[in-house]
């Protein structure tokens, strides 16, 4: 089944249109099953609450709160919800999508967007969607366009020339030790390369330094714990390598444009 523009399964809580974009919040009952279907227009789906299984072709995906997925037009998928769910859906018409495609944007396949910047834009967009004023139409269109660009850049980085094998080991090591990360020389010794070469290659493929990458891991882990636990910000700060709650809040606001409390309100189950 192909759903026409503006059509999505689920119960509509609210919706709003801004030029090339349509914004909709949907709710889903527990154990709801969405049959195989596609959409006329491309769209983003930000999971606000609820867990579900999604099937795209022969592949199965577990979706959880704060997951952000992009779907191009005419991609068939199906969903099986495990709990009460809420999704924020951002539909893009052909004119809106052409803004990035005209520049070579490769948004031609479904993709789970993993960068903090993309999720932060989606969260800001949802806040604007809920707190509308006379400028919201312009603001929502602007943020949605930013999200399209961020998604295109993320896909572009993934498709560029193949990174050396040792870079994956370095990244794994940083993920395992993000609370007390090793220095550049230690990482270089473990990878068997010169520190200067490691720094250059790391920036080439990750678009940031190793130190910035660690801060990104910490912020991602903070987001995960805020969504999936009831731990206090003090507890989360100490568990993720921050000196205290003030350090966490300052770093989180710098990385995402939102305070931890604002982020948690967006994804807190209702």
C-alpha atoms as a PDB file:
ATOM      1  CA  UNK A   1       0.000   0.000   0.000  1.00  0.00           C
ATOM      2  CA  UNK A   2       1.286   3.452  -0.920  1.00  0.00           C
ATOM      3  CA  UNK A   3       0.268   6.295   1.400  1.00  0.00           C
ATOM      4  CA  UNK A   4      -0.311   9.655  -0.237  1.00  0.00           C
ATOM      5  CA  UNK A   5       1.129  12.965   0.917  1.00  0.00           C
ATOM      6  CA  UNK A   6       0.173  13.715   4.515  1.00  0.00           C
ATOM      7  CA  UNK A   7      -0.960  10.138   5.248  1.00  0.00           C
ATOM      8  CA  UNK A   8       0.590   8.097   8.064  1.00  0.00           C
ATOM      9  CA  UNK A   9      -0.694   5.246  10.188  1.00  0.00           C
ATOM     10  CA  UNK A  10      -1.453   5.975  13.848  1.00  0.00           C
ATOM     11  CA  UNK A  11      -3.569   8.547  15.657  1.00  0.00           C
ATOM     12  CA  UNK A  12      -2.798  12.191  14.900  1.00  0.00           C
ATOM     13  CA  UNK A  13      -2.083  14.354  17.941  1.00  0.00           C
ATOM     14  CA  UNK A  14      -1.298  17.515  15.969  1.00  0.00           C
ATOM     15  CA  UNK A  15       0.084  18.605  12.619  1.00  0.00           C
ATOM     16  CA  UNK A  16       1.412  21.704  10.897  1.00  0.00           C
ATOM     17  CA  UNK A  17       2.576  22.574   7.364  1.00  0.00           C
ATOM     18  CA  UNK A  18       5.391  24.940   6.393  1.00  0.00           C
ATOM     19  CA  UNK A  19       5.999  25.303   2.650  1.00  0.00           C
ATOM     20  CA  UNK A  20       7.784  22.106   1.518  1.00  0.00           C
ATOM     21  CA  UNK A  21       7.441  20.385   4.901  1.00  0.00           C
ATOM     22  CA  UNK A  22       4.600  18.854   6.867  1.00  0.00           C
ATOM     23  CA  UNK A  23       5.065  18.107  10.580  1.00  0.00           C
ATOM     24  CA  UNK A  24       2.906  15.511  12.325  1.00  0.00           C
ATOM     25  CA  UNK A  25       2.894  13.878  15.739  1.00  0.00           C
ATOM     26  CA  UNK A  26       1.360  10.388  15.794  1.00  0.00           C
ATOM     27  CA  UNK A  27       0.598   7.955  18.590  1.00  0.00           C
ATOM     28  CA  UNK A  28       0.434   4.147  18.406  1.00  0.00           C
ATOM     29  CA  UNK A  29      -1.243   1.628  20.655  1.00  0.00           C
ATOM     30  CA  UNK A  30       0.724  -1.255  22.176  1.00  0.00           C
ATOM     31  CA  UNK A  31       0.980  -4.298  19.908  1.00  0.00           C
ATOM     32  CA  UNK A  32      -0.077  -2.189  16.910  1.00  0.00           C
ATOM     33  CA  UNK A  33       0.988  -3.715  13.600  1.00  0.00           C
ATOM     34  CA  UNK A  34       1.525  -1.486  10.599  1.00  0.00           C
ATOM     35  CA  UNK A  35       1.306  -3.489   7.337  1.00  0.00           C
ATOM     36  CA  UNK A  36       3.887  -3.225   4.586  1.00  0.00           C
ATOM     37  CA  UNK A  37       3.501   0.200   3.039  1.00  0.00           C
ATOM     38  CA  UNK A  38       5.396   3.032   1.369  1.00  0.00           C
ATOM     39  CA  UNK A  39       5.049   6.821   1.262  1.00  0.00           C
ATOM     40  CA  UNK A  40       4.698   9.162  -1.683  1.00  0.00           C
ATOM     41  CA  UNK A  41       7.095  11.679  -0.131  1.00  0.00           C
ATOM     42  CA  UNK A  42      10.358  11.365   1.770  1.00  0.00           C
ATOM     43  CA  UNK A  43      10.200  11.805   5.532  1.00  0.00           C
ATOM     44  CA  UNK A  44      12.090  11.749   8.804  1.00  0.00           C
ATOM     45  CA  UNK A  45      10.793   9.815  11.798  1.00  0.00           C
ATOM     46  CA  UNK A  46      11.902  10.836  15.294  1.00  0.00           C
ATOM     47  CA  UNK A  47      10.884   8.239  17.885  1.00  0.00           C
ATOM     48  CA  UNK A  48       9.669  10.163  20.929  1.00  0.00           C
ATOM     49  CA  UNK A  49       8.647   7.162  23.013  1.00  0.00           C
ATOM     50  CA  UNK A  50       7.940   3.447  22.662  1.00  0.00           C
ATOM     51  CA  UNK A  51       9.872   0.457  21.304  1.00  0.00           C
ATOM     52  CA  UNK A  52       9.042  -1.304  18.059  1.00  0.00           C
ATOM     53  CA  UNK A  53      10.443  -3.629  15.411  1.00  0.00           C
ATOM     54  CA  UNK A  54      10.710  -2.392  11.853  1.00  0.00           C
ATOM     55  CA  UNK A  55      11.180  -4.460   8.714  1.00  0.00           C
ATOM     56  CA  UNK A  56      12.668  -2.881   5.590  1.00  0.00           C
ATOM     57  CA  UNK A  57      13.029  -5.480   2.852  1.00  0.00           C
ATOM     58  CA  UNK A  58      14.595  -8.555   4.476  1.00  0.00           C
ATOM     59  CA  UNK A  59      16.212  -6.616   7.331  1.00  0.00           C
ATOM     60  CA  UNK A  60      14.853  -6.181  10.859  1.00  0.00           C
ATOM     61  CA  UNK A  61      15.594  -3.154  13.038  1.00  0.00           C
ATOM     62  CA  UNK A  62      14.868  -2.449  16.698  1.00  0.00           C
ATOM     63  CA  UNK A  63      13.755   1.157  17.124  1.00  0.00           C
ATOM     64  CA  UNK A  64      13.844   2.929  20.490  1.00  0.00           C
ATOM     65  CA  UNK A  65      13.248   6.473  21.805  1.00  0.00           C
ATOM     66  CA  UNK A  66      15.545   9.109  20.258  1.00  0.00           C
ATOM     67  CA  UNK A  67      16.041   7.038  17.091  1.00  0.00           C
ATOM     68  CA  UNK A  68      16.015   9.301  14.022  1.00  0.00           C
ATOM     69  CA  UNK A  69      15.430   7.625  10.651  1.00  0.00           C
ATOM     70  CA  UNK A  70      15.256   9.088   7.152  1.00  0.00           C
ATOM     71  CA  UNK A  71      13.122   7.395   4.457  1.00  0.00           C
ATOM     72  CA  UNK A  72      13.256   8.355   0.763  1.00  0.00           C
ATOM     73  CA  UNK A  73      10.038   8.186  -1.265  1.00  0.00           C
ATOM     74  CA  UNK A  74       8.550   4.769  -2.135  1.00  0.00           C
ATOM     75  CA  UNK A  75      10.516   2.689   0.408  1.00  0.00           C
ATOM     76  CA  UNK A  76       8.390  -0.190   1.716  1.00  0.00           C
ATOM     77  CA  UNK A  77       8.496  -0.969   5.439  1.00  0.00           C
ATOM     78  CA  UNK A  78       6.366  -2.465   8.202  1.00  0.00           C
ATOM     79  CA  UNK A  79       6.245  -1.953  11.976  1.00  0.00           C
ATOM     80  CA  UNK A  80       5.258  -4.000  15.026  1.00  0.00           C
ATOM     81  CA  UNK A  81       4.940  -1.948  18.195  1.00  0.00           C
ATOM     82  CA  UNK A  82       5.727  -3.389  21.620  1.00  0.00           C
ATOM     83  CA  UNK A  83       4.432  -0.499  23.732  1.00  0.00           C
ATOM     84  CA  UNK A  84       2.572   2.803  23.486  1.00  0.00           C
ATOM     85  CA  UNK A  85       4.526   4.894  21.003  1.00  0.00           C
ATOM     86  CA  UNK A  86       4.809   8.473  19.787  1.00  0.00           C
ATOM     87  CA  UNK A  87       6.538   9.554  16.577  1.00  0.00           C
ATOM     88  CA  UNK A  88       7.340  13.005  15.221  1.00  0.00           C
ATOM     89  CA  UNK A  89       7.159  12.809  11.425  1.00  0.00           C
ATOM     90  CA  UNK A  90       8.618  15.392   9.053  1.00  0.00           C
ATOM     91  CA  UNK A  91       7.458  14.951   5.468  1.00  0.00           C
ATOM     92  CA  UNK A  92       9.409  16.589   2.627  1.00  0.00           C
ATOM     93  CA  UNK A  93       7.834  17.238  -0.761  1.00  0.00           C
ATOM     94  CA  UNK A  94       9.741  16.906  -4.034  1.00  0.00           C
ATOM     95  CA  UNK A  95      10.672  20.596  -4.129  1.00  0.00           C
ATOM     96  CA  UNK A  96      12.126  20.421  -0.622  1.00  0.00           C
ATOM     97  CA  UNK A  97      14.098  17.275  -1.384  1.00  0.00           C
ATOM     98  CA  UNK A  98      15.494  18.801  -4.570  1.00  0.00           C
ATOM     99  CA  UNK A  99      17.251  21.432  -2.432  1.00  0.00           C
ATOM    100  CA  UNK A 100      19.846  18.860  -1.398  1.00  0.00           C
ATOM    101  CA  UNK A 101      19.666  16.603  -4.442  1.00  0.00           C
ATOM    102  CA  UNK A 102      20.616  19.528  -6.679  1.00  0.00           C
ATOM    103  CA  UNK A 103      23.884  19.652  -4.739  1.00  0.00           C
ATOM    104  CA  UNK A 104      24.481  15.927  -5.095  1.00  0.00           C
ATOM    105  CA  UNK A 105      22.855  14.889  -1.811  1.00  0.00           C
ATOM    106  CA  UNK A 106      22.752  11.101  -1.654  1.00  0.00           C
ATOM    107  CA  UNK A 107      19.543  10.611   0.322  1.00  0.00           C
ATOM    108  CA  UNK A 108      18.437   7.657  -1.790  1.00  0.00           C
ATOM    109  CA  UNK A 109      18.139   4.926   0.863  1.00  0.00           C
ATOM    110  CA  UNK A 110      16.764   4.626   4.409  1.00  0.00           C
ATOM    111  CA  UNK A 111      19.330   5.625   7.005  1.00  0.00           C
ATOM    112  CA  UNK A 112      19.484   5.716  10.796  1.00  0.00           C
ATOM    113  CA  UNK A 113      21.069   9.059  11.614  1.00  0.00           C
ATOM    114  CA  UNK A 114      23.574   8.708  14.417  1.00  0.00           C
ATOM    115  CA  UNK A 115      25.239  12.083  14.801  1.00  0.00           C
ATOM    116  CA  UNK A 116      24.396  14.239  17.789  1.00  0.00           C
ATOM    117  CA  UNK A 117      23.931  17.268  15.522  1.00  0.00           C
ATOM    118  CA  UNK A 118      21.124  15.586  13.541  1.00  0.00           C
ATOM    119  CA  UNK A 119      19.256  14.415  16.646  1.00  0.00           C
ATOM    120  CA  UNK A 120      19.620  17.854  18.234  1.00  0.00           C
ATOM    121  CA  UNK A 121      18.108  19.518  15.162  1.00  0.00           C
ATOM    122  CA  UNK A 122      15.178  17.088  15.247  1.00  0.00           C
ATOM    123  CA  UNK A 123      14.637  17.727  18.961  1.00  0.00           C
ATOM    124  CA  UNK A 124      14.749  21.522  18.418  1.00  0.00           C
ATOM    125  CA  UNK A 125      12.256  21.118  15.595  1.00  0.00           C
ATOM    126  CA  UNK A 126       9.877  19.189  17.857  1.00  0.00           C
ATOM    127  CA  UNK A 127      10.121  21.889  20.538  1.00  0.00           C
ATOM    128  CA  UNK A 128       9.330  24.570  17.937  1.00  0.00           C
ATOM    129  CA  UNK A 129       6.429  22.426  16.688  1.00  0.00           C
ATOM    130  CA  UNK A 130       4.958  22.386  20.210  1.00  0.00           C
ATOM    131  CA  UNK A 131       5.553  26.046  21.074  1.00  0.00           C
ATOM    132  CA  UNK A 132       4.406  27.813  17.935  1.00  0.00           C
ATOM    133  CA  UNK A 133       4.183  31.549  17.391  1.00  0.00           C
ATOM    134  CA  UNK A 134       4.105  33.820  14.327  1.00  0.00           C
ATOM    135  CA  UNK A 135       7.688  32.881  13.454  1.00  0.00           C
ATOM    136  CA  UNK A 136       7.302  29.119  13.776  1.00  0.00           C
ATOM    137  CA  UNK A 137       6.573  28.467  10.115  1.00  0.00           C
ATOM    138  CA  UNK A 138       9.852  30.090   9.095  1.00  0.00           C
ATOM    139  CA  UNK A 139      11.741  28.494  11.981  1.00  0.00           C
ATOM    140  CA  UNK A 140      10.434  24.996  11.238  1.00  0.00           C
ATOM    141  CA  UNK A 141      11.234  25.314   7.532  1.00  0.00           C
ATOM    142  CA  UNK A 142      14.757  26.505   8.375  1.00  0.00           C
ATOM    143  CA  UNK A 143      15.479  23.737  10.892  1.00  0.00           C
ATOM    144  CA  UNK A 144      14.028  21.070   8.585  1.00  0.00           C
ATOM    145  CA  UNK A 145      16.320  22.286   5.803  1.00  0.00           C
ATOM    146  CA  UNK A 146      19.271  22.159   8.216  1.00  0.00           C
ATOM    147  CA  UNK A 147      18.321  18.581   9.073  1.00  0.00           C
ATOM    148  CA  UNK A 148      18.252  17.626   5.387  1.00  0.00           C
ATOM    149  CA  UNK A 149      21.752  19.073   4.987  1.00  0.00           C
ATOM    150  CA  UNK A 150      23.028  17.328   8.138  1.00  0.00           C
ATOM    151  CA  UNK A 151      21.613  14.003   6.949  1.00  0.00           C
ATOM    152  CA  UNK A 152      23.176  14.472   3.502  1.00  0.00           C
ATOM    153  CA  UNK A 153      26.556  15.200   5.069  1.00  0.00           C
ATOM    154  CA  UNK A 154      26.325  12.161   7.324  1.00  0.00           C
ATOM    155  CA  UNK A 155      25.526   9.917   4.351  1.00  0.00           C
ATOM    156  CA  UNK A 156      28.352  11.520   2.349  1.00  0.00           C
ATOM    157  CA  UNK A 157      30.936  10.812   5.066  1.00  0.00           C
ATOM    158  CA  UNK A 158      29.843   7.174   5.231  1.00  0.00           C
ATOM    159  CA  UNK A 159      30.218   6.755   1.464  1.00  0.00           C
ATOM    160  CA  UNK A 160      33.636   8.374   1.082  1.00  0.00           C
ATOM    161  CA  UNK A 161      36.882   6.451   0.586  1.00  0.00           C
ATOM    162  CA  UNK A 162      37.443   3.518   2.903  1.00  0.00           C
ATOM    163  CA  UNK A 163      39.050   4.274   6.240  1.00  0.00           C
ATOM    164  CA  UNK A 164      42.117   2.280   7.355  1.00  0.00           C
ATOM    165  CA  UNK A 165      41.413  -0.806   9.456  1.00  0.00           C
ATOM    166  CA  UNK A 166      43.236   0.608  12.477  1.00  0.00           C
ATOM    167  CA  UNK A 167      40.838   3.559  12.672  1.00  0.00           C
ATOM    168  CA  UNK A 168      37.976   1.245  13.643  1.00  0.00           C
ATOM    169  CA  UNK A 169      40.139  -0.176  16.449  1.00  0.00           C
ATOM    170  CA  UNK A 170      40.937   3.325  17.678  1.00  0.00           C
ATOM    171  CA  UNK A 171      37.262   4.285  17.701  1.00  0.00           C
ATOM    172  CA  UNK A 172      36.335   1.058  19.534  1.00  0.00           C
ATOM    173  CA  UNK A 173      39.017   1.826  22.117  1.00  0.00           C
ATOM    174  CA  UNK A 174      37.602   5.323  22.632  1.00  0.00           C
ATOM    175  CA  UNK A 175      34.082   3.957  23.042  1.00  0.00           C
ATOM    176  CA  UNK A 176      35.303   1.463  25.641  1.00  0.00           C
ATOM    177  CA  UNK A 177      37.305   4.064  27.574  1.00  0.00           C
ATOM    178  CA  UNK A 178      35.394   7.306  27.040  1.00  0.00           C
ATOM    179  CA  UNK A 179      35.179   7.986  30.792  1.00  0.00           C
ATOM    180  CA  UNK A 180      38.996   8.128  31.047  1.00  0.00           C
ATOM    181  CA  UNK A 181      40.187   8.321  27.425  1.00  0.00           C
ATOM    182  CA  UNK A 182      43.803   7.550  26.501  1.00  0.00           C
ATOM    183  CA  UNK A 183      46.068  10.231  25.095  1.00  0.00           C
ATOM    184  CA  UNK A 184      46.908  10.604  21.409  1.00  0.00           C
ATOM    185  CA  UNK A 185      50.324   8.933  21.827  1.00  0.00           C
ATOM    186  CA  UNK A 186      48.743   5.917  23.541  1.00  0.00           C
ATOM    187  CA  UNK A 187      46.172   5.612  20.760  1.00  0.00           C
ATOM    188  CA  UNK A 188      48.906   5.883  18.121  1.00  0.00           C
ATOM    189  CA  UNK A 189      50.985   3.186  19.812  1.00  0.00           C
ATOM    190  CA  UNK A 190      47.983   0.867  19.948  1.00  0.00           C
ATOM    191  CA  UNK A 191      47.239   1.532  16.262  1.00  0.00           C
ATOM    192  CA  UNK A 192      50.878   1.225  15.196  1.00  0.00           C
ATOM    193  CA  UNK A 193      51.008   4.635  13.528  1.00  0.00           C
ATOM    194  CA  UNK A 194      52.589   8.008  14.235  1.00  0.00           C
ATOM    195  CA  UNK A 195      50.465  10.364  16.392  1.00  0.00           C
ATOM    196  CA  UNK A 196      50.481  13.057  13.704  1.00  0.00           C
ATOM    197  CA  UNK A 197      49.275  10.562  11.080  1.00  0.00           C
ATOM    198  CA  UNK A 198      46.553   9.316  13.426  1.00  0.00           C
ATOM    199  CA  UNK A 199      45.353  12.875  14.100  1.00  0.00           C
ATOM    200  CA  UNK A 200      45.227  13.714  10.386  1.00  0.00           C
ATOM    201  CA  UNK A 201      43.418  10.521   9.340  1.00  0.00           C
ATOM    202  CA  UNK A 202      41.012  10.740  12.272  1.00  0.00           C
ATOM    203  CA  UNK A 203      39.935  14.252  11.276  1.00  0.00           C
ATOM    204  CA  UNK A 204      39.696  13.229   7.602  1.00  0.00           C
ATOM    205  CA  UNK A 205      37.167  10.476   8.267  1.00  0.00           C
ATOM    206  CA  UNK A 206      35.417  11.685  11.432  1.00  0.00           C
ATOM    207  CA  UNK A 207      35.464  15.435  10.753  1.00  0.00           C
ATOM    208  CA  UNK A 208      36.678  16.086  14.306  1.00  0.00           C
ATOM    209  CA  UNK A 209      39.639  15.432  16.609  1.00  0.00           C
ATOM    210  CA  UNK A 210      39.879  12.370  18.834  1.00  0.00           C
ATOM    211  CA  UNK A 211      39.121  14.598  21.819  1.00  0.00           C
ATOM    212  CA  UNK A 212      35.997  15.997  20.169  1.00  0.00           C
ATOM    213  CA  UNK A 213      34.980  12.445  19.270  1.00  0.00           C
ATOM    214  CA  UNK A 214      35.181  11.431  22.946  1.00  0.00           C
ATOM    215  CA  UNK A 215      33.009  14.403  23.928  1.00  0.00           C
ATOM    216  CA  UNK A 216      30.508  13.273  21.283  1.00  0.00           C
ATOM    217  CA  UNK A 217      30.493   9.738  22.750  1.00  0.00           C
ATOM    218  CA  UNK A 218      29.848  11.155  26.199  1.00  0.00           C
ATOM    219  CA  UNK A 219      26.965  13.293  24.971  1.00  0.00           C
ATOM    220  CA  UNK A 220      25.486  10.319  23.102  1.00  0.00           C
ATOM    221  CA  UNK A 221      25.729   8.219  26.276  1.00  0.00           C
ATOM    222  CA  UNK A 222      24.127  11.002  28.326  1.00  0.00           C
ATOM    223  CA  UNK A 223      21.249  11.151  25.832  1.00  0.00           C
ATOM    224  CA  UNK A 224      20.829   7.383  25.987  1.00  0.00           C
ATOM    225  CA  UNK A 225      20.744   7.335  29.791  1.00  0.00           C
ATOM    226  CA  UNK A 226      18.361  10.266  30.031  1.00  0.00           C
ATOM    227  CA  UNK A 227      15.925   8.535  27.693  1.00  0.00           C
ATOM    228  CA  UNK A 228      16.225   4.991  29.040  1.00  0.00           C
ATOM    229  CA  UNK A 229      16.715   5.474  32.785  1.00  0.00           C
ATOM    230  CA  UNK A 230      15.415   7.529  35.676  1.00  0.00           C
ATOM    231  CA  UNK A 231      18.906   8.372  36.931  1.00  0.00           C
ATOM    232  CA  UNK A 232      19.461  11.941  38.087  1.00  0.00           C
ATOM    233  CA  UNK A 233      21.687  14.307  36.117  1.00  0.00           C
ATOM    234  CA  UNK A 234      24.224  14.147  38.952  1.00  0.00           C
ATOM    235  CA  UNK A 235      24.404  10.355  38.648  1.00  0.00           C
ATOM    236  CA  UNK A 236      24.595  10.478  34.850  1.00  0.00           C
ATOM    237  CA  UNK A 237      27.346  13.113  34.969  1.00  0.00           C
ATOM    238  CA  UNK A 238      29.546  10.999  37.238  1.00  0.00           C
ATOM    239  CA  UNK A 239      28.850   7.789  35.297  1.00  0.00           C
ATOM    240  CA  UNK A 240      29.801   9.331  31.941  1.00  0.00           C
ATOM    241  CA  UNK A 241      33.059  11.032  32.904  1.00  0.00           C
ATOM    242  CA  UNK A 242      31.913  14.586  33.641  1.00  0.00           C
ATOM    243  CA  UNK A 243      33.235  16.364  36.710  1.00  0.00           C
ATOM    244  CA  UNK A 244      29.759  17.284  37.942  1.00  0.00           C
ATOM    245  CA  UNK A 245      26.261  18.226  36.797  1.00  0.00           C
ATOM    246  CA  UNK A 246      27.333  21.770  35.901  1.00  0.00           C
ATOM    247  CA  UNK A 247      30.083  20.425  33.613  1.00  0.00           C
ATOM    248  CA  UNK A 248      27.582  18.040  31.979  1.00  0.00           C
ATOM    249  CA  UNK A 249      24.979  20.778  31.461  1.00  0.00           C
ATOM    250  CA  UNK A 250      27.490  23.199  29.953  1.00  0.00           C
ATOM    251  CA  UNK A 251      28.929  20.581  27.579  1.00  0.00           C
ATOM    252  CA  UNK A 252      25.495  19.250  26.624  1.00  0.00           C
ATOM    253  CA  UNK A 253      24.152  22.734  25.827  1.00  0.00           C
ATOM    254  CA  UNK A 254      27.244  23.513  23.751  1.00  0.00           C
ATOM    255  CA  UNK A 255      26.907  20.261  21.755  1.00  0.00           C
ATOM    256  CA  UNK A 256      23.140  20.164  21.253  1.00  0.00           C
ATOM    257  CA  UNK A 257      21.798  23.677  21.768  1.00  0.00           C
ATOM    258  CA  UNK A 258      19.524  22.336  24.532  1.00  0.00           C
ATOM    259  CA  UNK A 259      19.914  21.765  28.252  1.00  0.00           C
ATOM    260  CA  UNK A 260      19.705  18.152  29.497  1.00  0.00           C
ATOM    261  CA  UNK A 261      16.370  18.958  31.144  1.00  0.00           C
ATOM    262  CA  UNK A 262      14.948  20.327  27.876  1.00  0.00           C
ATOM    263  CA  UNK A 263      16.141  17.237  26.001  1.00  0.00           C
ATOM    264  CA  UNK A 264      14.673  14.905  28.600  1.00  0.00           C
ATOM    265  CA  UNK A 265      11.279  16.616  28.401  1.00  0.00           C
ATOM    266  CA  UNK A 266      11.115  15.923  24.659  1.00  0.00           C
ATOM    267  CA  UNK A 267      11.721  12.185  24.986  1.00  0.00           C
ATOM    268  CA  UNK A 268      10.166  11.491  28.392  1.00  0.00           C
ATOM    269  CA  UNK A 269       7.355   8.938  27.955  1.00  0.00           C
ATOM    270  CA  UNK A 270       3.903  10.368  28.687  1.00  0.00           C
END
